Amino acid sequence: MAEAIVYNEFGGPEVLELVHIPDAQAMPGELLIRVEAVGVNPIDWKLRSALRPSAPITEPRRIGGDGAGVITAVGEGVIGFRIGDPVAFFGATGSYASSVSIPASQVHPRPAGVSASQGAALGIPAGTAWQALRSLAVGESDTLLVHGGSGAVGQAIIQFATLSGARVIATSSPRRFDRVRSLGAIAIEYGDGLADRVRAVAPDGVTVAIDAAGTDEAIAVSLELVSDRSRIATIVRGRDAAGFGIRAFQGGAPDPLSAAEIRWREEAFPLALALMAADRFSVELGPSFALADAAEAHRMLESGVQGKIVLLPQRPQ
């Protein structure tokens, strides 16, 4: 049998439980994947803790959406994939598992040189970043301010934006300046006087801002520096965005993404994989944990950690 992480009630990391589940099958249009790495994302603990509302729990609930592994079965009607192919995927239902069955449309070949952990770390960060930049029409004439530039989404925003020709200023703590600068951004310390520090490095002004930090400071400074509020967005404070007169892309926002925004999120994944294979995009990997230690991974994620956490499922015997 396969293994998976589930929870039966909302709560702290301790509600996560490793269970045995029936082996999945590749139904028509699906691929069965032996999972080698799972991306651990903030949305996972927010749903688990009920910080982000979701439906009542009526049966053991699976968790996770991003991952990578190797195809073990190909469902009827699927073309372009073979057993043994290394792949990465996004949007799965319950990727915290040793094996998943997922629609082939959500699976992409994993290029040589891209590890399972790197592939598993891409889905949500790359999709969120690319969609936000496309929604805000960020281009080479822009100076972009990114709040939370050293986080997984912030790093993806910096890389996509610089590839688009934009000038990028990113906030972070000083200990993370080297990473932020290595991606092509001007690193600025958050905290008192932030607006003045941004003005000092961008005397011609800031044209667009993305809040990936969720702090009051991030919102206030963005409003102070960017004249066009339609070019300010948050990916964290979705519930508050309307009150500030700014845009929100999920992050608890009451309005769903548009069809175009969903499409941009989907196209970001193969784009990031191709860029990574060409050494033009990177992810910063952090600690890794066995599947059985998912609760500890969530504790570390909530407390703050440098780099992307991944789970490495144990192979069923």
C-alpha atoms as a PDB file:
ATOM      1  CA  MET A   1       0.000   0.000   0.000  1.00  0.00           C
ATOM      2  CA  ALA A   2       0.968   3.624  -0.470  1.00  0.00           C
ATOM      3  CA  GLU A   3       1.447   6.137   2.320  1.00  0.00           C
ATOM      4  CA  ALA A   4      -0.048   9.591   2.724  1.00  0.00           C
ATOM      5  CA  ILE A   5      -0.391  12.393   5.245  1.00  0.00           C
ATOM      6  CA  VAL A   6      -3.929  13.257   6.341  1.00  0.00           C
ATOM      7  CA  TYR A   7      -5.657  15.260   9.053  1.00  0.00           C
ATOM      8  CA  ASN A   8      -9.046  14.627  10.664  1.00  0.00           C
ATOM      9  CA  GLU A   9      -9.477  17.981  12.384  1.00  0.00           C
ATOM     10  CA  PHE A  10      -8.160  21.510  12.069  1.00  0.00           C
ATOM     11  CA  GLY A  11      -5.334  22.416  14.398  1.00  0.00           C
ATOM     12  CA  GLY A  12      -1.599  22.544  14.894  1.00  0.00           C
ATOM     13  CA  PRO A  13       1.008  20.419  13.131  1.00  0.00           C
ATOM     14  CA  GLU A  14       0.252  17.554  15.509  1.00  0.00           C
ATOM     15  CA  VAL A  15      -3.015  16.813  13.642  1.00  0.00           C
ATOM     16  CA  LEU A  16      -1.010  15.544  10.665  1.00  0.00           C
ATOM     17  CA  GLU A  17      -0.944  11.752  10.546  1.00  0.00           C
ATOM     18  CA  LEU A  18       0.830   9.220   8.328  1.00  0.00           C
ATOM     19  CA  VAL A  19      -1.575   6.534   7.097  1.00  0.00           C
ATOM     20  CA  HIS A  20      -1.598   3.681   4.621  1.00  0.00           C
ATOM     21  CA  ILE A  21      -3.907   4.167   1.645  1.00  0.00           C
ATOM     22  CA  PRO A  22      -4.960   1.887  -1.216  1.00  0.00           C
ATOM     23  CA  ASP A  23      -2.648   2.042  -4.195  1.00  0.00           C
ATOM     24  CA  ALA A  24      -3.959   4.568  -6.708  1.00  0.00           C
ATOM     25  CA  GLN A  25      -4.679   3.721 -10.322  1.00  0.00           C
ATOM     26  CA  ALA A  26      -4.084   5.785 -13.448  1.00  0.00           C
ATOM     27  CA  MET A  27      -7.589   6.479 -14.695  1.00  0.00           C
ATOM     28  CA  PRO A  28      -8.231   7.717 -18.260  1.00  0.00           C
ATOM     29  CA  GLY A  29      -6.412  10.996 -18.777  1.00  0.00           C
ATOM     30  CA  GLU A  30      -4.252  10.492 -15.695  1.00  0.00           C
ATOM     31  CA  LEU A  31      -0.704   9.572 -14.771  1.00  0.00           C
ATOM     32  CA  LEU A  32       0.351   7.560 -11.748  1.00  0.00           C
ATOM     33  CA  ILE A  33       3.505   8.994 -10.205  1.00  0.00           C
ATOM     34  CA  ARG A  34       5.887   7.604  -7.611  1.00  0.00           C
ATOM     35  CA  VAL A  35       6.547  10.727  -5.583  1.00  0.00           C
ATOM     36  CA  GLU A  36      10.182  11.520  -4.885  1.00  0.00           C
ATOM     37  CA  ALA A  37       9.777  15.029  -3.468  1.00  0.00           C
ATOM     38  CA  VAL A  38       6.914  17.206  -2.223  1.00  0.00           C
ATOM     39  CA  GLY A  39       6.891  20.995  -2.009  1.00  0.00           C
ATOM     40  CA  VAL A  40       5.724  22.312   1.369  1.00  0.00           C
ATOM     41  CA  ASN A  41       3.878  25.611   0.896  1.00  0.00           C
ATOM     42  CA  PRO A  42       2.420  28.177   3.325  1.00  0.00           C
ATOM     43  CA  ILE A  43      -1.081  27.459   2.027  1.00  0.00           C
ATOM     44  CA  ASP A  44      -0.708  23.913   3.397  1.00  0.00           C
ATOM     45  CA  TRP A  45      -0.416  24.975   7.035  1.00  0.00           C
ATOM     46  CA  LYS A  46      -2.939  27.774   6.609  1.00  0.00           C
ATOM     47  CA  LEU A  47      -5.573  25.273   5.443  1.00  0.00           C
ATOM     48  CA  ARG A  48      -4.572  22.732   8.093  1.00  0.00           C
ATOM     49  CA  SER A  49      -4.913  25.299  10.876  1.00  0.00           C
ATOM     50  CA  ALA A  50      -8.134  26.834   9.461  1.00  0.00           C
ATOM     51  CA  LEU A  51      -6.390  30.190   9.121  1.00  0.00           C
ATOM     52  CA  ARG A  52      -7.558  29.927   5.518  1.00  0.00           C
ATOM     53  CA  PRO A  53     -11.231  28.802   5.556  1.00  0.00           C
ATOM     54  CA  SER A  54     -12.150  25.569   3.818  1.00  0.00           C
ATOM     55  CA  ALA A  55     -15.027  23.086   3.836  1.00  0.00           C
ATOM     56  CA  PRO A  56     -15.828  21.118   7.030  1.00  0.00           C
ATOM     57  CA  ILE A  57     -13.815  17.928   7.429  1.00  0.00           C
ATOM     58  CA  THR A  58     -16.040  14.881   6.954  1.00  0.00           C
ATOM     59  CA  GLU A  59     -13.339  12.306   6.200  1.00  0.00           C
ATOM     60  CA  PRO A  60      -9.541  12.132   6.452  1.00  0.00           C
ATOM     61  CA  ARG A  61      -8.291  15.078   4.408  1.00  0.00           C
ATOM     62  CA  ARG A  62      -5.247  14.855   2.163  1.00  0.00           C
ATOM     63  CA  ILE A  63      -2.822  17.751   1.926  1.00  0.00           C
ATOM     64  CA  GLY A  64      -0.388  19.272  -0.561  1.00  0.00           C
ATOM     65  CA  GLY A  65      -0.376  20.176  -4.247  1.00  0.00           C
ATOM     66  CA  ASP A  66       3.191  20.338  -5.612  1.00  0.00           C
ATOM     67  CA  GLY A  67       5.631  17.506  -6.198  1.00  0.00           C
ATOM     68  CA  ALA A  68       7.932  15.582  -8.488  1.00  0.00           C
ATOM     69  CA  GLY A  69       8.739  11.971  -9.201  1.00  0.00           C
ATOM     70  CA  VAL A  70       8.677   9.228 -11.811  1.00  0.00           C
ATOM     71  CA  ILE A  71       5.744   7.924 -13.857  1.00  0.00           C
ATOM     72  CA  THR A  72       4.717   4.376 -12.945  1.00  0.00           C
ATOM     73  CA  ALA A  73       1.531   4.061 -15.035  1.00  0.00           C
ATOM     74  CA  VAL A  74      -0.062   5.897 -17.959  1.00  0.00           C
ATOM     75  CA  GLY A  75      -3.837   6.167 -18.171  1.00  0.00           C
ATOM     76  CA  GLU A  76      -5.890   5.583 -21.293  1.00  0.00           C
ATOM     77  CA  GLY A  77      -5.812   8.479 -23.731  1.00  0.00           C
ATOM     78  CA  VAL A  78      -2.620  10.060 -22.380  1.00  0.00           C
ATOM     79  CA  ILE A  79       0.051  10.781 -24.968  1.00  0.00           C
ATOM     80  CA  GLY A  80       3.523  12.219 -24.644  1.00  0.00           C
ATOM     81  CA  PHE A  81       4.440  10.371 -21.436  1.00  0.00           C
ATOM     82  CA  ARG A  82       5.966   6.971 -20.746  1.00  0.00           C
ATOM     83  CA  ILE A  83       6.571   4.838 -17.688  1.00  0.00           C
ATOM     84  CA  GLY A  84       9.886   5.842 -16.155  1.00  0.00           C
ATOM     85  CA  ASP A  85       9.750   9.484 -17.249  1.00  0.00           C
ATOM     86  CA  PRO A  86      10.910  11.986 -14.589  1.00  0.00           C
ATOM     87  CA  VAL A  87       8.222  14.625 -14.093  1.00  0.00           C
ATOM     88  CA  ALA A  88       7.110  17.490 -11.885  1.00  0.00           C
ATOM     89  CA  PHE A  89       3.505  18.406 -11.131  1.00  0.00           C
ATOM     90  CA  PHE A  90       1.307  21.045  -9.517  1.00  0.00           C
ATOM     91  CA  GLY A  91      -2.272  21.248  -8.306  1.00  0.00           C
ATOM     92  CA  ALA A  92      -2.502  17.648  -7.122  1.00  0.00           C
ATOM     93  CA  THR A  93      -4.985  16.593  -4.463  1.00  0.00           C
ATOM     94  CA  GLY A  94      -2.852  15.260  -1.640  1.00  0.00           C
ATOM     95  CA  SER A  95       0.739  15.385  -2.865  1.00  0.00           C
ATOM     96  CA  TYR A  96       2.012  14.525   0.642  1.00  0.00           C
ATOM     97  CA  ALA A  97       2.107  10.876  -0.377  1.00  0.00           C
ATOM     98  CA  SER A  98       4.351   8.171  -1.748  1.00  0.00           C
ATOM     99  CA  SER A  99       2.209   7.854  -4.880  1.00  0.00           C
ATOM    100  CA  VAL A 100      -0.374  10.089  -6.582  1.00  0.00           C
ATOM    101  CA  SER A 101      -2.678   9.829  -9.564  1.00  0.00           C
ATOM    102  CA  ILE A 102      -3.108  13.166 -11.311  1.00  0.00           C
ATOM    103  CA  PRO A 103      -4.495  14.524 -14.596  1.00  0.00           C
ATOM    104  CA  ALA A 104      -1.799  14.575 -17.246  1.00  0.00           C
ATOM    105  CA  SER A 105      -2.530  18.269 -17.900  1.00  0.00           C
ATOM    106  CA  GLN A 106      -0.988  19.090 -14.516  1.00  0.00           C
ATOM    107  CA  VAL A 107       2.193  17.101 -15.128  1.00  0.00           C
ATOM    108  CA  HIS A 108       5.284  18.272 -17.029  1.00  0.00           C
ATOM    109  CA  PRO A 109       8.497  16.542 -18.064  1.00  0.00           C
ATOM    110  CA  ARG A 110      11.340  17.288 -15.661  1.00  0.00           C
ATOM    111  CA  PRO A 111      14.381  18.306 -17.708  1.00  0.00           C
ATOM    112  CA  ALA A 112      17.783  16.750 -17.154  1.00  0.00           C
ATOM    113  CA  GLY A 113      19.601  18.664 -14.480  1.00  0.00           C
ATOM    114  CA  VAL A 114      16.438  19.578 -12.564  1.00  0.00           C
ATOM    115  CA  SER A 115      16.245  17.472  -9.408  1.00  0.00           C
ATOM    116  CA  ALA A 116      13.032  16.143  -7.920  1.00  0.00           C
ATOM    117  CA  SER A 117      13.376  18.567  -5.002  1.00  0.00           C
ATOM    118  CA  GLN A 118      13.849  21.517  -7.353  1.00  0.00           C
ATOM    119  CA  GLY A 119      10.855  20.479  -9.444  1.00  0.00           C
ATOM    120  CA  ALA A 120       8.689  20.030  -6.362  1.00  0.00           C
ATOM    121  CA  ALA A 121       9.619  23.507  -5.108  1.00  0.00           C
ATOM    122  CA  LEU A 122       8.405  25.355  -8.215  1.00  0.00           C
ATOM    123  CA  GLY A 123       4.628  25.031  -8.554  1.00  0.00           C
ATOM    124  CA  ILE A 124       2.956  27.547  -6.261  1.00  0.00           C
ATOM    125  CA  PRO A 125       5.839  30.074  -6.099  1.00  0.00           C
ATOM    126  CA  ALA A 126       6.347  30.218  -9.873  1.00  0.00           C
ATOM    127  CA  GLY A 127       2.640  30.247 -10.664  1.00  0.00           C
ATOM    128  CA  THR A 128       1.870  32.976  -8.152  1.00  0.00           C
ATOM    129  CA  ALA A 129       4.796  35.129  -9.247  1.00  0.00           C
ATOM    130  CA  TRP A 130       4.202  34.879 -12.999  1.00  0.00           C
ATOM    131  CA  GLN A 131       0.472  35.511 -12.702  1.00  0.00           C
ATOM    132  CA  ALA A 132       0.964  38.547 -10.464  1.00  0.00           C
ATOM    133  CA  LEU A 133       3.471  40.056 -12.882  1.00  0.00           C
ATOM    134  CA  ARG A 134       1.249  39.391 -15.894  1.00  0.00           C
ATOM    135  CA  SER A 135      -1.824  40.777 -14.127  1.00  0.00           C
ATOM    136  CA  LEU A 136       0.079  43.972 -13.320  1.00  0.00           C
ATOM    137  CA  ALA A 137       1.596  44.144 -16.827  1.00  0.00           C
ATOM    138  CA  VAL A 138       5.136  44.494 -15.478  1.00  0.00           C
ATOM    139  CA  GLY A 139       7.672  45.205 -18.207  1.00  0.00           C
ATOM    140  CA  GLU A 140      10.943  46.843 -19.078  1.00  0.00           C
ATOM    141  CA  SER A 141       9.706  50.382 -18.382  1.00  0.00           C
ATOM    142  CA  ASP A 142       8.816  49.533 -14.776  1.00  0.00           C
ATOM    143  CA  THR A 143      10.512  49.879 -11.425  1.00  0.00           C
ATOM    144  CA  LEU A 144       9.012  47.159  -9.246  1.00  0.00           C
ATOM    145  CA  LEU A 145       9.031  47.089  -5.448  1.00  0.00           C
ATOM    146  CA  VAL A 146       8.713  43.568  -4.011  1.00  0.00           C
ATOM    147  CA  HIS A 147       8.012  43.220  -0.298  1.00  0.00           C
ATOM    148  CA  GLY A 148       9.352  39.909   1.015  1.00  0.00           C
ATOM    149  CA  GLY A 149      11.886  39.384  -1.732  1.00  0.00           C
ATOM    150  CA  SER A 150      13.776  36.572  -0.003  1.00  0.00           C
ATOM    151  CA  GLY A 151      10.778  34.232   0.279  1.00  0.00           C
ATOM    152  CA  ALA A 152       9.997  31.572  -2.305  1.00  0.00           C
ATOM    153  CA  VAL A 153       7.390  33.671  -4.135  1.00  0.00           C
ATOM    154  CA  GLY A 154       9.461  36.840  -3.761  1.00  0.00           C
ATOM    155  CA  GLN A 155      12.474  35.156  -5.335  1.00  0.00           C
ATOM    156  CA  ALA A 156      10.363  33.944  -8.249  1.00  0.00           C
ATOM    157  CA  ILE A 157       8.938  37.451  -8.734  1.00  0.00           C
ATOM    158  CA  ILE A 158      12.438  38.947  -8.845  1.00  0.00           C
ATOM    159  CA  GLN A 159      13.649  36.456 -11.429  1.00  0.00           C
ATOM    160  CA  PHE A 160      10.644  36.685 -13.752  1.00  0.00           C
ATOM    161  CA  ALA A 161      10.563  40.483 -13.485  1.00  0.00           C
ATOM    162  CA  THR A 162      14.244  40.953 -14.251  1.00  0.00           C
ATOM    163  CA  LEU A 163      13.919  38.598 -17.222  1.00  0.00           C
ATOM    164  CA  SER A 164      11.103  40.876 -18.416  1.00  0.00           C
ATOM    165  CA  GLY A 165      13.455  43.848 -18.229  1.00  0.00           C
ATOM    166  CA  ALA A 166      12.030  45.531 -15.142  1.00  0.00           C
ATOM    167  CA  ARG A 167      14.190  47.165 -12.487  1.00  0.00           C
ATOM    168  CA  VAL A 168      13.494  45.398  -9.189  1.00  0.00           C
ATOM    169  CA  ILE A 169      13.848  46.595  -5.603  1.00  0.00           C
ATOM    170  CA  ALA A 170      13.219  43.928  -2.974  1.00  0.00           C
ATOM    171  CA  THR A 171      12.869  44.147   0.786  1.00  0.00           C
ATOM    172  CA  SER A 172      14.479  41.582   3.054  1.00  0.00           C
ATOM    173  CA  SER A 173      16.533  41.272   6.221  1.00  0.00           C
ATOM    174  CA  PRO A 174      20.230  42.151   5.791  1.00  0.00           C
ATOM    175  CA  ARG A 175      21.271  38.519   6.251  1.00  0.00           C
ATOM    176  CA  ARG A 176      19.371  37.696   3.047  1.00  0.00           C
ATOM    177  CA  PHE A 177      20.780  40.534   0.934  1.00  0.00           C
ATOM    178  CA  ASP A 178      23.271  38.313  -0.890  1.00  0.00           C
ATOM    179  CA  ARG A 179      20.540  35.976  -2.124  1.00  0.00           C
ATOM    180  CA  VAL A 180      18.271  38.823  -3.216  1.00  0.00           C
ATOM    181  CA  ARG A 181      21.116  40.568  -5.053  1.00  0.00           C
ATOM    182  CA  SER A 182      22.214  37.350  -6.745  1.00  0.00           C
ATOM    183  CA  LEU A 183      18.789  37.193  -8.409  1.00  0.00           C
ATOM    184  CA  GLY A 184      19.163  40.666  -9.870  1.00  0.00           C
ATOM    185  CA  ALA A 185      17.336  42.902  -7.390  1.00  0.00           C
ATOM    186  CA  ILE A 186      18.427  45.895  -5.337  1.00  0.00           C
ATOM    187  CA  ALA A 187      18.162  44.736  -1.712  1.00  0.00           C
ATOM    188  CA  ILE A 188      16.566  47.107   0.817  1.00  0.00           C
ATOM    189  CA  GLU A 189      16.103  46.440   4.530  1.00  0.00           C
ATOM    190  CA  TYR A 190      12.511  46.601   5.724  1.00  0.00           C
ATOM    191  CA  GLY A 191      11.626  48.592   8.838  1.00  0.00           C
ATOM    192  CA  ASP A 192      11.433  52.248   9.834  1.00  0.00           C
ATOM    193  CA  GLY A 193      12.416  54.602   7.026  1.00  0.00           C
ATOM    194  CA  LEU A 194      11.729  52.081   4.260  1.00  0.00           C
ATOM    195  CA  ALA A 195      10.023  54.575   1.955  1.00  0.00           C
ATOM    196  CA  ASP A 196      12.985  56.950   2.137  1.00  0.00           C
ATOM    197  CA  ARG A 197      15.449  54.133   1.434  1.00  0.00           C
ATOM    198  CA  VAL A 198      13.446  53.141  -1.640  1.00  0.00           C
ATOM    199  CA  ARG A 199      13.353  56.745  -2.863  1.00  0.00           C
ATOM    200  CA  ALA A 200      17.119  56.955  -2.477  1.00  0.00           C
ATOM    201  CA  VAL A 201      17.679  54.072  -4.921  1.00  0.00           C
ATOM    202  CA  ALA A 202      14.712  54.922  -7.169  1.00  0.00           C
ATOM    203  CA  PRO A 203      14.715  58.724  -7.492  1.00  0.00           C
ATOM    204  CA  ASP A 204      12.515  58.479 -10.590  1.00  0.00           C
ATOM    205  CA  GLY A 205       9.865  56.661  -8.620  1.00  0.00           C
ATOM    206  CA  VAL A 206       8.301  53.210  -8.273  1.00  0.00           C
ATOM    207  CA  THR A 207       5.635  52.238 -10.812  1.00  0.00           C
ATOM    208  CA  VAL A 208       4.387  48.940  -9.394  1.00  0.00           C
ATOM    209  CA  ALA A 209       4.479  47.069  -6.074  1.00  0.00           C
ATOM    210  CA  ILE A 210       3.745  43.521  -4.945  1.00  0.00           C
ATOM    211  CA  ASP A 211       3.251  42.610  -1.295  1.00  0.00           C
ATOM    212  CA  ALA A 212       4.536  39.115  -0.588  1.00  0.00           C
ATOM    213  CA  ALA A 213       5.165  39.904   3.086  1.00  0.00           C
ATOM    214  CA  GLY A 214       1.713  40.738   4.433  1.00  0.00           C
ATOM    215  CA  THR A 215       2.834  43.482   6.818  1.00  0.00           C
ATOM    216  CA  ASP A 216       1.157  46.823   7.456  1.00  0.00           C
ATOM    217  CA  GLU A 217       4.431  48.455   6.451  1.00  0.00           C
ATOM    218  CA  ALA A 218       4.378  46.767   3.051  1.00  0.00           C
ATOM    219  CA  ILE A 219       0.904  48.076   2.298  1.00  0.00           C
ATOM    220  CA  ALA A 220       1.553  51.575   3.641  1.00  0.00           C
ATOM    221  CA  VAL A 221       4.840  52.055   1.779  1.00  0.00           C
ATOM    222  CA  SER A 222       3.348  50.747  -1.458  1.00  0.00           C
ATOM    223  CA  LEU A 223       0.479  53.222  -1.180  1.00  0.00           C
ATOM    224  CA  GLU A 224       2.928  56.036  -0.462  1.00  0.00           C
ATOM    225  CA  LEU A 225       5.223  55.298  -3.392  1.00  0.00           C
ATOM    226  CA  VAL A 226       2.970  54.020  -6.190  1.00  0.00           C
ATOM    227  CA  SER A 227       0.501  56.560  -7.537  1.00  0.00           C
ATOM    228  CA  ASP A 228      -1.652  54.100  -9.485  1.00  0.00           C
ATOM    229  CA  ARG A 229      -3.355  51.815  -6.968  1.00  0.00           C
ATOM    230  CA  SER A 230      -4.365  49.394  -9.706  1.00  0.00           C
ATOM    231  CA  ARG A 231      -0.652  48.555  -9.933  1.00  0.00           C
ATOM    232  CA  ILE A 232      -0.358  47.611  -6.264  1.00  0.00           C
ATOM    233  CA  ALA A 233      -1.202  44.031  -5.335  1.00  0.00           C
ATOM    234  CA  THR A 234      -0.992  41.712  -2.364  1.00  0.00           C
ATOM    235  CA  ILE A 235      -0.744  37.940  -2.456  1.00  0.00           C
ATOM    236  CA  VAL A 236      -1.122  37.694   1.338  1.00  0.00           C
ATOM    237  CA  ARG A 237      -3.701  40.221   2.570  1.00  0.00           C
ATOM    238  CA  GLY A 238      -6.505  39.386   0.182  1.00  0.00           C
ATOM    239  CA  ARG A 239      -9.282  40.090   2.657  1.00  0.00           C
ATOM    240  CA  ASP A 240      -7.983  43.620   3.270  1.00  0.00           C
ATOM    241  CA  ALA A 241      -7.154  44.625  -0.292  1.00  0.00           C
ATOM    242  CA  ALA A 242     -10.491  46.219  -1.202  1.00  0.00           C
ATOM    243  CA  GLY A 243     -10.317  48.452   1.840  1.00  0.00           C
ATOM    244  CA  PHE A 244      -6.949  49.766   0.670  1.00  0.00           C
ATOM    245  CA  GLY A 245      -8.138  50.131  -2.904  1.00  0.00           C
ATOM    246  CA  ILE A 246      -5.488  47.730  -4.199  1.00  0.00           C
ATOM    247  CA  ARG A 247      -5.591  44.420  -6.024  1.00  0.00           C
ATOM    248  CA  ALA A 248      -5.386  40.951  -4.500  1.00  0.00           C
ATOM    249  CA  PHE A 249      -4.437  37.651  -6.057  1.00  0.00           C
ATOM    250  CA  GLN A 250      -5.822  34.975  -3.755  1.00  0.00           C
ATOM    251  CA  GLY A 251      -4.225  35.275  -0.305  1.00  0.00           C
ATOM    252  CA  GLY A 252      -7.731  35.018   1.144  1.00  0.00           C
ATOM    253  CA  ALA A 253      -9.255  37.361  -1.441  1.00  0.00           C
ATOM    254  CA  PRO A 254     -13.034  36.949  -1.825  1.00  0.00           C
ATOM    255  CA  ASP A 255     -12.903  37.142  -5.622  1.00  0.00           C
ATOM    256  CA  PRO A 256     -11.590  34.184  -7.634  1.00  0.00           C
ATOM    257  CA  LEU A 257      -8.861  34.472 -10.225  1.00  0.00           C
ATOM    258  CA  SER A 258      -9.969  35.196 -13.768  1.00  0.00           C
ATOM    259  CA  ALA A 259      -9.675  32.614 -16.522  1.00  0.00           C
ATOM    260  CA  ALA A 260      -6.635  34.463 -17.873  1.00  0.00           C
ATOM    261  CA  GLU A 261      -4.980  34.532 -14.440  1.00  0.00           C
ATOM    262  CA  ILE A 262      -5.525  30.810 -13.983  1.00  0.00           C
ATOM    263  CA  ARG A 263      -3.986  30.221 -17.401  1.00  0.00           C
ATOM    264  CA  TRP A 264      -0.952  32.364 -16.491  1.00  0.00           C
ATOM    265  CA  ARG A 265      -0.428  30.318 -13.333  1.00  0.00           C
ATOM    266  CA  GLU A 266      -0.522  27.129 -15.340  1.00  0.00           C
ATOM    267  CA  GLU A 267       1.909  28.341 -18.018  1.00  0.00           C
ATOM    268  CA  ALA A 268       4.424  29.475 -15.395  1.00  0.00           C
ATOM    269  CA  PHE A 269       5.306  25.921 -14.382  1.00  0.00           C
ATOM    270  CA  PRO A 270       6.758  24.613 -17.666  1.00  0.00           C
ATOM    271  CA  LEU A 271       8.324  28.040 -18.245  1.00  0.00           C
ATOM    272  CA  ALA A 272      10.166  27.886 -14.915  1.00  0.00           C
ATOM    273  CA  LEU A 273      11.283  24.302 -15.566  1.00  0.00           C
ATOM    274  CA  ALA A 274      12.717  25.290 -18.955  1.00  0.00           C
ATOM    275  CA  LEU A 275      14.450  28.346 -17.516  1.00  0.00           C
ATOM    276  CA  MET A 276      15.896  26.268 -14.693  1.00  0.00           C
ATOM    277  CA  ALA A 277      17.257  23.725 -17.158  1.00  0.00           C
ATOM    278  CA  ALA A 278      18.941  26.634 -18.967  1.00  0.00           C
ATOM    279  CA  ASP A 279      20.419  28.005 -15.708  1.00  0.00           C
ATOM    280  CA  ARG A 280      18.265  31.123 -15.934  1.00  0.00           C
ATOM    281  CA  PHE A 281      16.012  30.407 -12.950  1.00  0.00           C
ATOM    282  CA  SER A 282      16.712  28.911  -9.555  1.00  0.00           C
ATOM    283  CA  VAL A 283      14.997  27.854  -6.359  1.00  0.00           C
ATOM    284  CA  GLU A 284      16.591  28.011  -2.956  1.00  0.00           C
ATOM    285  CA  LEU A 285      16.170  24.672  -1.227  1.00  0.00           C
ATOM    286  CA  GLY A 286      15.970  24.501   2.544  1.00  0.00           C
ATOM    287  CA  PRO A 287      15.617  21.564   4.931  1.00  0.00           C
ATOM    288  CA  SER A 288      14.162  18.247   3.786  1.00  0.00           C
ATOM    289  CA  PHE A 289      12.109  15.820   5.852  1.00  0.00           C
ATOM    290  CA  ALA A 290      10.809  12.291   5.524  1.00  0.00           C
ATOM    291  CA  LEU A 291       7.100  12.032   4.735  1.00  0.00           C
ATOM    292  CA  ALA A 292       6.429  10.775   8.260  1.00  0.00           C
ATOM    293  CA  ASP A 293       7.931  14.001   9.634  1.00  0.00           C
ATOM    294  CA  ALA A 294       5.479  16.325   7.898  1.00  0.00           C
ATOM    295  CA  ALA A 295       4.392  17.792  11.241  1.00  0.00           C
ATOM    296  CA  GLU A 296       7.956  18.864  12.004  1.00  0.00           C
ATOM    297  CA  ALA A 297       8.229  20.350   8.526  1.00  0.00           C
ATOM    298  CA  HIS A 298       5.118  22.426   9.226  1.00  0.00           C
ATOM    299  CA  ARG A 299       6.492  23.612  12.566  1.00  0.00           C
ATOM    300  CA  MET A 300       9.642  24.797  10.843  1.00  0.00           C
ATOM    301  CA  LEU A 301       7.693  26.448   8.039  1.00  0.00           C
ATOM    302  CA  GLU A 302       5.509  28.376  10.482  1.00  0.00           C
ATOM    303  CA  SER A 303       8.475  29.519  12.557  1.00  0.00           C
ATOM    304  CA  GLY A 304      10.359  30.780   9.499  1.00  0.00           C
ATOM    305  CA  VAL A 305      13.097  29.101   7.528  1.00  0.00           C
ATOM    306  CA  GLN A 306      15.607  29.966   4.828  1.00  0.00           C
ATOM    307  CA  GLY A 307      14.863  28.117   1.602  1.00  0.00           C
ATOM    308  CA  LYS A 308      12.081  25.875   0.399  1.00  0.00           C
ATOM    309  CA  ILE A 309      11.154  22.894   2.579  1.00  0.00           C
ATOM    310  CA  VAL A 310      10.540  19.598   0.805  1.00  0.00           C
ATOM    311  CA  LEU A 311       9.344  16.196   1.942  1.00  0.00           C
ATOM    312  CA  LEU A 312      11.075  13.086   0.659  1.00  0.00           C
ATOM    313  CA  PRO A 313       8.530  10.240   0.829  1.00  0.00           C
ATOM    314  CA  GLN A 314       9.678   6.872   2.090  1.00  0.00           C
ATOM    315  CA  ARG A 315       9.253   4.109  -0.451  1.00  0.00           C
ATOM    316  CA  PRO A 316       6.653   1.479   0.465  1.00  0.00           C
ATOM    317  CA  GLN A 317       8.228  -1.917   1.101  1.00  0.00           C
END
